[in-house]
């Protein structure tokens, strides 16, 4: 696996980006990163910080993501890993947390597990959907071994179904999954 998270410095800076978005960075990282022009962009259901740059292998114009730039600058091996934001802030917060304490080197699979519930779902909880035919909430989770979705049952209560999902995620993935009720697992 990639390198672990180094301790975050005590001093944090707030960087104003485009579109009214701000980013949190450790001061020592911003001292390095400020040499480029960074801007905000939407990615799925979160904001990210990026800049234009050249691919070191092809010399073609590309986007450079701030969280990967920080990891590279810290000497993390990012070649076969994703750099994950532990705390994914919602779009409406207009905030990006690129502090070292919030970044970790993970497999692509672990990064996908740390994603929020999709918009437009029938349930307000991740891993839960409404089955019109049965009139119940159905729980689905993905197996770490087979990478296939499996049903964990049907429930009359939406919150109960969400808790079943949370239990399965904690047992299967530890701290890499996004939980519906994280406060119940602290």
N, C-alpha and C. Protein backbone atom coordinates (compact mmCIF):
# COMPACT_ATOMS: atom_id res chain seq x y z
N UNK A 1 0.85 -1.18 0.00
CA UNK A 1 0.00 0.00 0.00
C UNK A 1 0.89 1.24 0.00
N UNK A 2 0.34 2.39 -0.30
CA UNK A 2 1.09 3.63 -0.31
C UNK A 2 1.49 4.05 1.08
N UNK A 3 2.18 5.12 1.16
CA UNK A 3 2.65 5.60 2.44
C UNK A 3 1.49 6.13 3.28
N UNK A 4 1.66 6.09 4.58
CA UNK A 4 0.64 6.60 5.50
C UNK A 4 0.65 8.12 5.52
N UNK A 5 -0.25 8.66 6.29
CA UNK A 5 -0.36 10.11 6.38
C UNK A 5 0.66 10.67 7.35
N UNK A 6 1.45 11.65 6.92
CA UNK A 6 2.35 12.30 7.87
C UNK A 6 1.54 13.23 8.75
N UNK A 7 2.11 13.61 9.87
CA UNK A 7 1.43 14.55 10.74
C UNK A 7 1.24 15.87 10.02
N UNK A 8 0.09 16.45 10.23
CA UNK A 8 -0.20 17.74 9.64
C UNK A 8 0.51 18.83 10.44
N UNK A 9 0.95 19.86 9.76
CA UNK A 9 1.55 20.97 10.47
C UNK A 9 0.46 21.67 11.27
N UNK A 10 0.85 22.48 12.21
CA UNK A 10 -0.14 23.13 13.05
C UNK A 10 -0.76 24.33 12.35
N UNK A 11 -0.08 24.89 11.36
CA UNK A 11 -0.58 26.08 10.69
C UNK A 11 -1.30 25.71 9.39
N UNK A 12 -2.54 26.17 9.28
CA UNK A 12 -3.37 25.89 8.10
C UNK A 12 -3.70 27.20 7.42
N UNK A 13 -3.68 27.21 6.09
CA UNK A 13 -4.06 28.40 5.33
C UNK A 13 -5.34 28.11 4.56
N UNK A 14 -6.11 29.16 4.32
CA UNK A 14 -7.31 29.08 3.50
C UNK A 14 -7.00 29.78 2.19
N UNK A 15 -7.11 29.04 1.10
CA UNK A 15 -6.79 29.56 -0.22
C UNK A 15 -8.09 29.80 -0.98
N UNK A 16 -8.28 31.02 -1.47
CA UNK A 16 -9.47 31.34 -2.26
C UNK A 16 -9.23 30.90 -3.70
N UNK A 17 -10.19 30.13 -4.22
CA UNK A 17 -10.11 29.62 -5.58
C UNK A 17 -11.22 30.25 -6.41
N UNK A 18 -11.44 29.75 -7.60
CA UNK A 18 -12.52 30.23 -8.46
C UNK A 18 -13.87 29.72 -7.95
N UNK A 19 -14.94 30.26 -8.49
CA UNK A 19 -16.31 29.83 -8.21
C UNK A 19 -16.71 29.95 -6.74
N UNK A 20 -16.04 30.83 -6.00
CA UNK A 20 -16.37 31.05 -4.60
C UNK A 20 -15.96 29.91 -3.68
N UNK A 21 -15.07 29.05 -4.15
CA UNK A 21 -14.62 27.89 -3.38
C UNK A 21 -13.31 28.22 -2.68
N UNK A 22 -13.13 27.68 -1.47
CA UNK A 22 -11.88 27.84 -0.73
C UNK A 22 -11.29 26.46 -0.44
N UNK A 23 -9.98 26.43 -0.26
CA UNK A 23 -9.29 25.17 0.06
C UNK A 23 -8.48 25.34 1.32
N UNK A 24 -8.48 24.30 2.15
CA UNK A 24 -7.63 24.26 3.34
C UNK A 24 -6.37 23.50 2.99
N UNK A 25 -5.21 24.09 3.30
CA UNK A 25 -3.94 23.42 3.08
C UNK A 25 -3.02 23.69 4.26
N UNK A 26 -2.11 22.77 4.52
CA UNK A 26 -1.07 23.03 5.49
C UNK A 26 -0.17 24.13 4.92
N UNK A 27 0.25 25.06 5.77
CA UNK A 27 1.03 26.21 5.29
C UNK A 27 2.27 25.78 4.52
N UNK A 28 2.97 24.77 5.01
CA UNK A 28 4.20 24.35 4.33
C UNK A 28 3.90 23.79 2.93
N UNK A 29 2.74 23.18 2.74
CA UNK A 29 2.37 22.70 1.41
C UNK A 29 1.98 23.87 0.51
N UNK A 30 1.26 24.85 1.06
CA UNK A 30 0.88 26.01 0.26
C UNK A 30 2.11 26.81 -0.15
N UNK A 31 3.12 26.88 0.72
CA UNK A 31 4.36 27.58 0.36
C UNK A 31 4.96 26.98 -0.91
N UNK A 32 4.82 25.68 -1.09
CA UNK A 32 5.29 25.01 -2.31
C UNK A 32 4.29 25.18 -3.46
N UNK A 33 3.00 25.03 -3.19
CA UNK A 33 1.96 25.01 -4.23
C UNK A 33 1.64 26.38 -4.81
N UNK A 34 1.96 27.43 -4.10
CA UNK A 34 1.56 28.78 -4.54
C UNK A 34 2.26 29.23 -5.82
N UNK A 35 3.23 28.48 -6.29
CA UNK A 35 3.93 28.84 -7.53
C UNK A 35 3.05 28.67 -8.78
N UNK A 36 1.91 27.98 -8.64
CA UNK A 36 1.01 27.76 -9.76
C UNK A 36 -0.35 28.41 -9.52
N UNK A 37 -1.10 28.59 -10.62
CA UNK A 37 -2.48 29.11 -10.51
C UNK A 37 -3.43 27.93 -10.37
N UNK A 38 -4.12 27.87 -9.26
CA UNK A 38 -5.05 26.78 -8.97
C UNK A 38 -6.48 27.28 -9.14
N UNK A 39 -7.38 26.39 -9.52
CA UNK A 39 -8.79 26.74 -9.60
C UNK A 39 -9.65 25.58 -9.09
N UNK A 40 -10.91 25.87 -8.82
CA UNK A 40 -11.84 24.87 -8.31
C UNK A 40 -12.59 24.23 -9.46
N UNK A 41 -12.89 22.95 -9.32
CA UNK A 41 -13.74 22.27 -10.30
C UNK A 41 -14.60 21.24 -9.58
N UNK A 42 -15.80 21.04 -10.13
CA UNK A 42 -16.70 20.03 -9.57
C UNK A 42 -16.28 18.67 -10.08
N UNK A 43 -16.29 17.70 -9.19
CA UNK A 43 -16.01 16.32 -9.56
C UNK A 43 -17.01 15.43 -8.86
N UNK A 44 -18.02 14.99 -9.56
CA UNK A 44 -19.06 14.19 -8.92
C UNK A 44 -19.85 15.06 -7.95
N UNK A 45 -19.77 14.74 -6.67
CA UNK A 45 -20.52 15.52 -5.69
C UNK A 45 -19.60 16.22 -4.70
N UNK A 46 -18.41 16.60 -5.15
CA UNK A 46 -17.46 17.32 -4.31
C UNK A 46 -16.64 18.28 -5.17
N UNK A 47 -15.99 19.21 -4.51
CA UNK A 47 -15.08 20.15 -5.20
C UNK A 47 -13.66 19.61 -5.14
N UNK A 48 -12.89 19.92 -6.16
CA UNK A 48 -11.47 19.58 -6.20
C UNK A 48 -10.68 20.80 -6.65
N UNK A 49 -9.40 20.77 -6.35
CA UNK A 49 -8.48 21.86 -6.69
C UNK A 49 -7.53 21.34 -7.76
N UNK A 50 -7.43 22.07 -8.90
CA UNK A 50 -6.55 21.59 -9.95
C UNK A 50 -5.91 22.77 -10.68
N UNK A 51 -4.92 22.43 -11.49
CA UNK A 51 -4.23 23.41 -12.32
C UNK A 51 -3.90 22.75 -13.65
N UNK A 52 -3.48 23.55 -14.60
CA UNK A 52 -2.99 23.00 -15.87
C UNK A 52 -1.50 22.74 -15.76
N UNK A 53 -1.06 21.73 -16.46
CA UNK A 53 0.35 21.39 -16.43
C UNK A 53 0.68 20.42 -17.56
N UNK A 54 1.90 19.97 -17.58
CA UNK A 54 2.36 19.03 -18.60
C UNK A 54 2.57 17.66 -17.99
N UNK A 55 2.13 16.64 -18.70
CA UNK A 55 2.38 15.26 -18.30
C UNK A 55 3.87 15.00 -18.45
N UNK A 56 4.50 14.48 -17.40
CA UNK A 56 5.95 14.27 -17.43
C UNK A 56 6.37 13.22 -18.44
N UNK A 57 5.47 12.29 -18.79
CA UNK A 57 5.82 11.23 -19.75
C UNK A 57 5.58 11.63 -21.20
N UNK A 58 4.47 12.34 -21.45
CA UNK A 58 4.10 12.66 -22.84
C UNK A 58 4.34 14.12 -23.21
N UNK A 59 4.55 14.96 -22.21
CA UNK A 59 4.71 16.40 -22.38
C UNK A 59 3.45 17.06 -22.94
N UNK A 60 2.31 16.35 -22.87
CA UNK A 60 1.04 16.92 -23.32
C UNK A 60 0.38 17.68 -22.18
N UNK A 61 -0.42 18.69 -22.57
CA UNK A 61 -1.17 19.48 -21.60
C UNK A 61 -2.15 18.57 -20.85
N UNK A 62 -2.24 18.72 -19.54
CA UNK A 62 -3.13 17.90 -18.72
C UNK A 62 -3.54 18.67 -17.47
N UNK A 63 -4.40 18.08 -16.67
CA UNK A 63 -4.80 18.66 -15.39
C UNK A 63 -3.98 18.02 -14.28
N UNK A 64 -3.52 18.84 -13.36
CA UNK A 64 -2.77 18.37 -12.20
C UNK A 64 -3.67 18.61 -10.98
N UNK A 65 -3.98 17.56 -10.24
CA UNK A 65 -4.84 17.65 -9.07
C UNK A 65 -4.00 18.00 -7.85
N UNK A 66 -4.48 18.92 -7.05
CA UNK A 66 -3.72 19.41 -5.89
C UNK A 66 -3.39 18.30 -4.90
N UNK A 67 -4.34 17.43 -4.61
CA UNK A 67 -4.09 16.38 -3.62
C UNK A 67 -3.00 15.42 -4.10
N UNK A 68 -2.93 15.18 -5.39
CA UNK A 68 -1.85 14.33 -5.93
C UNK A 68 -0.52 15.08 -5.95
N UNK A 69 -0.57 16.37 -6.23
CA UNK A 69 0.65 17.20 -6.21
C UNK A 69 1.25 17.22 -4.81
N UNK A 70 0.40 17.36 -3.79
CA UNK A 70 0.87 17.36 -2.40
C UNK A 70 1.51 16.02 -2.07
N UNK A 71 0.84 14.92 -2.43
CA UNK A 71 1.37 13.58 -2.15
C UNK A 71 2.71 13.37 -2.84
N UNK A 72 2.82 13.80 -4.08
CA UNK A 72 4.08 13.66 -4.82
C UNK A 72 5.18 14.47 -4.15
N UNK A 73 4.85 15.69 -3.76
CA UNK A 73 5.83 16.56 -3.10
C UNK A 73 6.30 15.95 -1.77
N UNK A 74 5.41 15.21 -1.10
CA UNK A 74 5.76 14.57 0.17
C UNK A 74 6.54 13.27 -0.03
N UNK A 75 6.67 12.83 -1.30
CA UNK A 75 7.43 11.62 -1.59
C UNK A 75 6.61 10.34 -1.53
N UNK A 76 5.29 10.47 -1.52
CA UNK A 76 4.45 9.27 -1.53
C UNK A 76 4.56 8.60 -2.89
N UNK A 77 4.48 7.28 -2.91
CA UNK A 77 4.44 6.52 -4.15
C UNK A 77 3.00 6.54 -4.64
N UNK A 78 2.71 7.34 -5.66
CA UNK A 78 1.32 7.47 -6.12
C UNK A 78 1.08 6.76 -7.45
N UNK A 79 2.10 6.13 -7.99
CA UNK A 79 1.98 5.54 -9.32
C UNK A 79 0.80 4.58 -9.45
N UNK A 80 0.62 3.69 -8.50
CA UNK A 80 -0.46 2.70 -8.57
C UNK A 80 -1.54 2.93 -7.52
N UNK A 81 -1.60 4.14 -6.99
CA UNK A 81 -2.54 4.44 -5.91
C UNK A 81 -3.34 5.70 -6.21
N UNK A 82 -4.50 5.78 -5.58
CA UNK A 82 -5.29 7.00 -5.58
C UNK A 82 -4.96 7.75 -4.30
N UNK A 83 -5.09 9.07 -4.35
CA UNK A 83 -4.96 9.87 -3.14
C UNK A 83 -6.39 10.24 -2.74
N UNK A 84 -6.78 9.77 -1.58
CA UNK A 84 -8.15 9.86 -1.10
C UNK A 84 -8.30 10.99 -0.09
N UNK A 85 -9.41 11.72 -0.21
CA UNK A 85 -9.80 12.68 0.82
C UNK A 85 -10.63 11.90 1.85
N UNK A 86 -10.14 11.80 3.06
CA UNK A 86 -10.85 11.05 4.09
C UNK A 86 -12.21 11.69 4.36
N UNK A 87 -12.20 12.98 4.55
CA UNK A 87 -13.42 13.72 4.82
C UNK A 87 -13.84 14.42 3.53
N UNK A 88 -14.85 13.86 2.87
CA UNK A 88 -15.34 14.44 1.62
C UNK A 88 -16.39 15.48 1.96
N UNK A 89 -16.12 16.72 1.64
CA UNK A 89 -17.07 17.79 1.96
C UNK A 89 -18.09 17.96 0.85
N UNK A 90 -19.36 18.18 1.19
CA UNK A 90 -20.39 18.31 0.15
C UNK A 90 -20.21 19.56 -0.69
N UNK A 91 -20.76 19.54 -1.90
CA UNK A 91 -20.65 20.66 -2.84
C UNK A 91 -21.08 21.98 -2.20
N UNK A 92 -22.19 21.95 -1.46
CA UNK A 92 -22.72 23.20 -0.91
C UNK A 92 -21.79 23.85 0.11
N UNK A 93 -20.81 23.11 0.64
CA UNK A 93 -19.87 23.71 1.59
C UNK A 93 -18.89 24.65 0.89
N UNK A 94 -18.69 24.45 -0.43
CA UNK A 94 -17.73 25.25 -1.22
C UNK A 94 -16.35 25.24 -0.56
N UNK A 95 -15.97 24.08 -0.03
CA UNK A 95 -14.70 23.95 0.68
C UNK A 95 -14.02 22.64 0.28
N UNK A 96 -12.69 22.69 0.13
CA UNK A 96 -11.87 21.53 -0.19
C UNK A 96 -10.87 21.36 0.93
N UNK A 97 -10.78 20.17 1.51
CA UNK A 97 -9.83 19.93 2.59
C UNK A 97 -8.63 19.16 2.06
N UNK A 98 -7.57 19.89 1.71
CA UNK A 98 -6.34 19.29 1.19
C UNK A 98 -5.24 19.29 2.25
N UNK A 99 -5.61 19.31 3.52
CA UNK A 99 -4.60 19.19 4.57
C UNK A 99 -4.04 17.77 4.56
N UNK A 100 -2.79 17.61 4.94
CA UNK A 100 -2.16 16.29 4.97
C UNK A 100 -2.95 15.31 5.82
N UNK A 101 -3.49 15.79 6.94
CA UNK A 101 -4.24 14.91 7.85
C UNK A 101 -5.50 14.36 7.19
N UNK A 102 -5.95 14.97 6.09
CA UNK A 102 -7.16 14.52 5.42
C UNK A 102 -6.87 13.72 4.15
N UNK A 103 -5.60 13.48 3.85
CA UNK A 103 -5.23 12.73 2.65
C UNK A 103 -4.62 11.39 3.03
N UNK A 104 -4.88 10.39 2.20
CA UNK A 104 -4.27 9.08 2.40
C UNK A 104 -4.11 8.40 1.05
N UNK A 105 -3.10 7.54 0.96
CA UNK A 105 -2.83 6.78 -0.25
C UNK A 105 -3.58 5.46 -0.16
N UNK A 106 -4.46 5.19 -1.15
CA UNK A 106 -5.32 4.01 -1.10
C UNK A 106 -5.40 3.36 -2.47
N UNK A 107 -5.91 2.13 -2.49
CA UNK A 107 -6.17 1.48 -3.76
C UNK A 107 -7.38 2.17 -4.41
N UNK A 108 -7.56 1.95 -5.70
CA UNK A 108 -8.71 2.54 -6.40
C UNK A 108 -10.02 2.04 -5.77
N UNK A 109 -10.06 0.77 -5.43
CA UNK A 109 -11.26 0.18 -4.81
C UNK A 109 -11.59 0.87 -3.48
N UNK A 110 -10.58 1.10 -2.65
CA UNK A 110 -10.81 1.78 -1.37
C UNK A 110 -11.29 3.21 -1.60
N UNK A 111 -10.78 3.86 -2.61
CA UNK A 111 -11.20 5.22 -2.91
C UNK A 111 -12.68 5.25 -3.31
N UNK A 112 -13.10 4.29 -4.11
CA UNK A 112 -14.51 4.22 -4.52
C UNK A 112 -15.41 3.99 -3.31
N UNK A 113 -14.95 3.18 -2.37
CA UNK A 113 -15.75 2.92 -1.16
C UNK A 113 -15.99 4.19 -0.36
N UNK A 114 -15.06 5.13 -0.45
CA UNK A 114 -15.16 6.36 0.32
C UNK A 114 -15.93 7.43 -0.46
N UNK A 115 -16.92 7.02 -1.22
CA UNK A 115 -17.73 7.98 -1.96
C UNK A 115 -19.09 8.14 -1.29
N UNK A 116 -19.69 9.27 -1.51
CA UNK A 116 -21.01 9.57 -0.93
C UNK A 116 -22.12 8.87 -1.71
N UNK A 117 -23.30 8.92 -1.15
CA UNK A 117 -24.51 8.40 -1.79
C UNK A 117 -24.75 9.17 -3.08
N UNK A 118 -25.19 8.45 -4.10
CA UNK A 118 -25.48 9.09 -5.38
C UNK A 118 -26.73 9.96 -5.29
N UNK A 119 -26.71 11.06 -6.03
CA UNK A 119 -27.89 11.93 -6.10
C UNK A 119 -28.98 11.21 -6.88
N UNK A 120 -30.22 11.52 -6.56
CA UNK A 120 -31.34 10.94 -7.29
C UNK A 120 -31.73 9.55 -6.80
N UNK A 121 -31.12 9.07 -5.73
CA UNK A 121 -31.48 7.76 -5.19
C UNK A 121 -32.85 7.82 -4.54
N UNK A 122 -33.51 6.69 -4.46
CA UNK A 122 -34.83 6.66 -3.83
C UNK A 122 -34.73 6.77 -2.31
N UNK A 123 -33.57 6.49 -1.74
CA UNK A 123 -33.37 6.58 -0.30
C UNK A 123 -32.46 7.75 0.04
N UNK A 124 -32.61 8.26 1.24
CA UNK A 124 -31.70 9.31 1.70
C UNK A 124 -30.41 8.70 2.26
N UNK A 125 -30.31 7.37 2.28
CA UNK A 125 -29.15 6.67 2.82
C UNK A 125 -28.39 5.92 1.74
N UNK A 126 -27.09 5.79 1.95
CA UNK A 126 -26.25 5.03 1.02
C UNK A 126 -26.50 3.54 1.22
N UNK A 127 -26.53 2.79 0.10
CA UNK A 127 -26.69 1.35 0.15
C UNK A 127 -28.13 0.87 0.29
N UNK A 128 -29.08 1.81 0.25
CA UNK A 128 -30.48 1.48 0.46
C UNK A 128 -31.30 2.00 -0.72
N UNK A 129 -32.25 1.20 -1.18
CA UNK A 129 -33.15 1.66 -2.24
C UNK A 129 -34.56 1.11 -2.00
N UNK A 130 -35.55 1.78 -2.53
CA UNK A 130 -36.95 1.41 -2.38
C UNK A 130 -37.34 0.42 -3.46
N UNK A 131 -37.96 -0.68 -3.05
CA UNK A 131 -38.47 -1.67 -4.00
C UNK A 131 -39.98 -1.48 -4.09
N UNK A 132 -40.45 -0.95 -5.21
CA UNK A 132 -41.88 -0.68 -5.39
C UNK A 132 -42.72 -1.95 -5.32
N UNK A 133 -42.19 -3.03 -5.87
CA UNK A 133 -42.94 -4.28 -5.92
C UNK A 133 -43.23 -4.83 -4.52
N UNK A 134 -42.21 -4.82 -3.64
CA UNK A 134 -42.38 -5.38 -2.30
C UNK A 134 -42.82 -4.34 -1.28
N UNK A 135 -42.62 -3.06 -1.62
CA UNK A 135 -42.96 -1.99 -0.67
C UNK A 135 -42.02 -1.96 0.52
N UNK A 136 -40.76 -2.32 0.28
CA UNK A 136 -39.76 -2.34 1.36
C UNK A 136 -38.45 -1.71 0.89
N UNK A 137 -37.64 -1.38 1.89
CA UNK A 137 -36.30 -0.84 1.63
C UNK A 137 -35.34 -2.01 1.50
N UNK A 138 -34.58 -2.04 0.41
CA UNK A 138 -33.64 -3.13 0.13
C UNK A 138 -32.22 -2.62 0.35
N UNK A 139 -31.41 -3.46 1.00
CA UNK A 139 -30.02 -3.11 1.28
C UNK A 139 -29.12 -3.88 0.34
N UNK A 140 -28.17 -3.17 -0.30
CA UNK A 140 -27.18 -3.79 -1.18
C UNK A 140 -25.80 -3.33 -0.75
N UNK A 141 -24.85 -4.25 -0.74
CA UNK A 141 -23.44 -3.93 -0.47
C UNK A 141 -22.59 -4.74 -1.42
N UNK A 142 -21.38 -4.27 -1.68
CA UNK A 142 -20.47 -4.95 -2.60
C UNK A 142 -19.45 -5.76 -1.82
N UNK A 143 -19.27 -7.00 -2.21
CA UNK A 143 -18.31 -7.89 -1.56
C UNK A 143 -16.89 -7.51 -1.94
N UNK A 144 -16.00 -7.51 -0.95
CA UNK A 144 -14.59 -7.20 -1.24
C UNK A 144 -13.91 -8.35 -1.98
N UNK A 145 -14.46 -9.54 -1.87
CA UNK A 145 -13.85 -10.70 -2.54
C UNK A 145 -14.32 -10.84 -3.98
N UNK A 146 -15.63 -10.78 -4.20
CA UNK A 146 -16.16 -10.99 -5.55
C UNK A 146 -16.38 -9.70 -6.32
N UNK A 147 -16.39 -8.56 -5.62
CA UNK A 147 -16.65 -7.24 -6.20
C UNK A 147 -18.04 -7.18 -6.83
N UNK A 148 -18.93 -8.04 -6.37
CA UNK A 148 -20.30 -8.04 -6.87
C UNK A 148 -21.24 -7.56 -5.77
N UNK A 149 -22.33 -6.92 -6.20
CA UNK A 149 -23.33 -6.44 -5.26
C UNK A 149 -24.13 -7.62 -4.72
N UNK A 150 -24.39 -7.59 -3.43
CA UNK A 150 -25.22 -8.64 -2.84
C UNK A 150 -26.30 -8.01 -2.00
N UNK A 151 -27.46 -8.63 -1.99
CA UNK A 151 -28.58 -8.13 -1.21
C UNK A 151 -28.42 -8.56 0.24
N UNK A 152 -28.68 -7.63 1.15
CA UNK A 152 -28.59 -7.91 2.58
C UNK A 152 -29.97 -7.92 3.23
N UNK A 153 -31.00 -7.99 2.40
CA UNK A 153 -32.34 -8.11 2.94
C UNK A 153 -33.23 -6.93 2.64
N UNK A 154 -34.51 -7.08 3.00
CA UNK A 154 -35.51 -6.04 2.82
C UNK A 154 -36.06 -5.64 4.18
N UNK A 155 -36.35 -4.35 4.33
CA UNK A 155 -36.76 -3.83 5.64
C UNK A 155 -37.89 -2.82 5.47
N UNK A 156 -38.77 -2.80 6.44
CA UNK A 156 -39.88 -1.84 6.43
C UNK A 156 -39.40 -0.45 6.79
N UNK A 157 -38.36 -0.38 7.64
CA UNK A 157 -37.86 0.90 8.13
C UNK A 157 -36.58 1.30 7.37
N UNK A 158 -36.57 2.47 6.78
CA UNK A 158 -35.43 2.94 5.98
C UNK A 158 -34.17 3.07 6.83
N UNK A 159 -34.30 3.62 8.04
CA UNK A 159 -33.13 3.81 8.92
C UNK A 159 -32.56 2.46 9.36
N UNK A 160 -33.42 1.49 9.63
CA UNK A 160 -32.96 0.15 10.00
C UNK A 160 -32.15 -0.45 8.85
N UNK A 161 -32.64 -0.30 7.62
CA UNK A 161 -31.93 -0.79 6.45
C UNK A 161 -30.56 -0.11 6.34
N UNK A 162 -30.50 1.18 6.60
CA UNK A 162 -29.23 1.92 6.54
C UNK A 162 -28.24 1.41 7.58
N UNK A 163 -28.73 1.04 8.75
CA UNK A 163 -27.85 0.51 9.80
C UNK A 163 -27.31 -0.88 9.42
N UNK A 164 -28.12 -1.67 8.75
CA UNK A 164 -27.66 -2.98 8.25
C UNK A 164 -26.53 -2.75 7.25
N UNK A 165 -26.70 -1.77 6.36
CA UNK A 165 -25.65 -1.43 5.39
C UNK A 165 -24.38 -1.03 6.13
N UNK A 166 -24.50 -0.14 7.13
CA UNK A 166 -23.33 0.31 7.89
C UNK A 166 -22.59 -0.86 8.52
N UNK A 167 -23.32 -1.79 9.12
CA UNK A 167 -22.69 -2.96 9.75
C UNK A 167 -21.89 -3.77 8.73
N UNK A 168 -22.48 -3.97 7.56
CA UNK A 168 -21.80 -4.73 6.52
C UNK A 168 -20.54 -4.02 6.05
N UNK A 169 -20.61 -2.71 5.90
CA UNK A 169 -19.46 -1.93 5.43
C UNK A 169 -18.33 -1.99 6.46
N UNK A 170 -18.65 -1.82 7.73
CA UNK A 170 -17.62 -1.85 8.78
C UNK A 170 -16.96 -3.23 8.84
N UNK A 171 -17.76 -4.28 8.76
CA UNK A 171 -17.20 -5.64 8.81
C UNK A 171 -16.33 -5.93 7.58
N UNK A 172 -16.74 -5.46 6.43
CA UNK A 172 -16.07 -5.78 5.18
C UNK A 172 -14.88 -4.85 4.88
N UNK A 173 -15.01 -3.57 5.21
CA UNK A 173 -14.02 -2.59 4.74
C UNK A 173 -13.37 -1.74 5.83
N UNK A 174 -13.75 -1.90 7.06
CA UNK A 174 -13.16 -1.10 8.13
C UNK A 174 -13.46 0.38 7.96
N UNK A 175 -12.43 1.21 8.03
CA UNK A 175 -12.64 2.66 7.99
C UNK A 175 -12.64 3.26 6.59
N UNK A 176 -12.74 2.44 5.55
CA UNK A 176 -12.73 2.98 4.19
C UNK A 176 -14.11 3.26 3.63
N UNK A 177 -15.15 2.74 4.22
CA UNK A 177 -16.49 2.97 3.70
C UNK A 177 -17.15 4.19 4.32
N UNK A 178 -18.02 4.82 3.55
CA UNK A 178 -18.81 5.94 4.07
C UNK A 178 -20.04 5.36 4.74
N UNK A 179 -20.24 5.75 5.99
CA UNK A 179 -21.36 5.23 6.78
C UNK A 179 -22.52 6.22 6.81
N UNK A 180 -23.71 5.68 6.98
CA UNK A 180 -24.90 6.52 7.12
C UNK A 180 -24.99 7.12 8.52
N UNK A 181 -24.53 6.38 9.51
CA UNK A 181 -24.56 6.82 10.91
C UNK A 181 -23.17 6.66 11.53
N UNK A 182 -22.20 7.46 11.08
CA UNK A 182 -20.82 7.29 11.58
C UNK A 182 -20.68 7.49 13.09
N UNK A 183 -21.53 8.33 13.65
CA UNK A 183 -21.46 8.60 15.09
C UNK A 183 -21.74 7.34 15.92
N UNK A 184 -22.44 6.37 15.36
CA UNK A 184 -22.73 5.14 16.08
C UNK A 184 -21.55 4.18 16.07
N UNK A 185 -20.50 4.49 15.30
CA UNK A 185 -19.33 3.62 15.20
C UNK A 185 -18.08 4.23 15.79
N UNK A 186 -18.21 5.37 16.42
CA UNK A 186 -17.02 6.05 17.00
C UNK A 186 -16.68 5.49 18.35
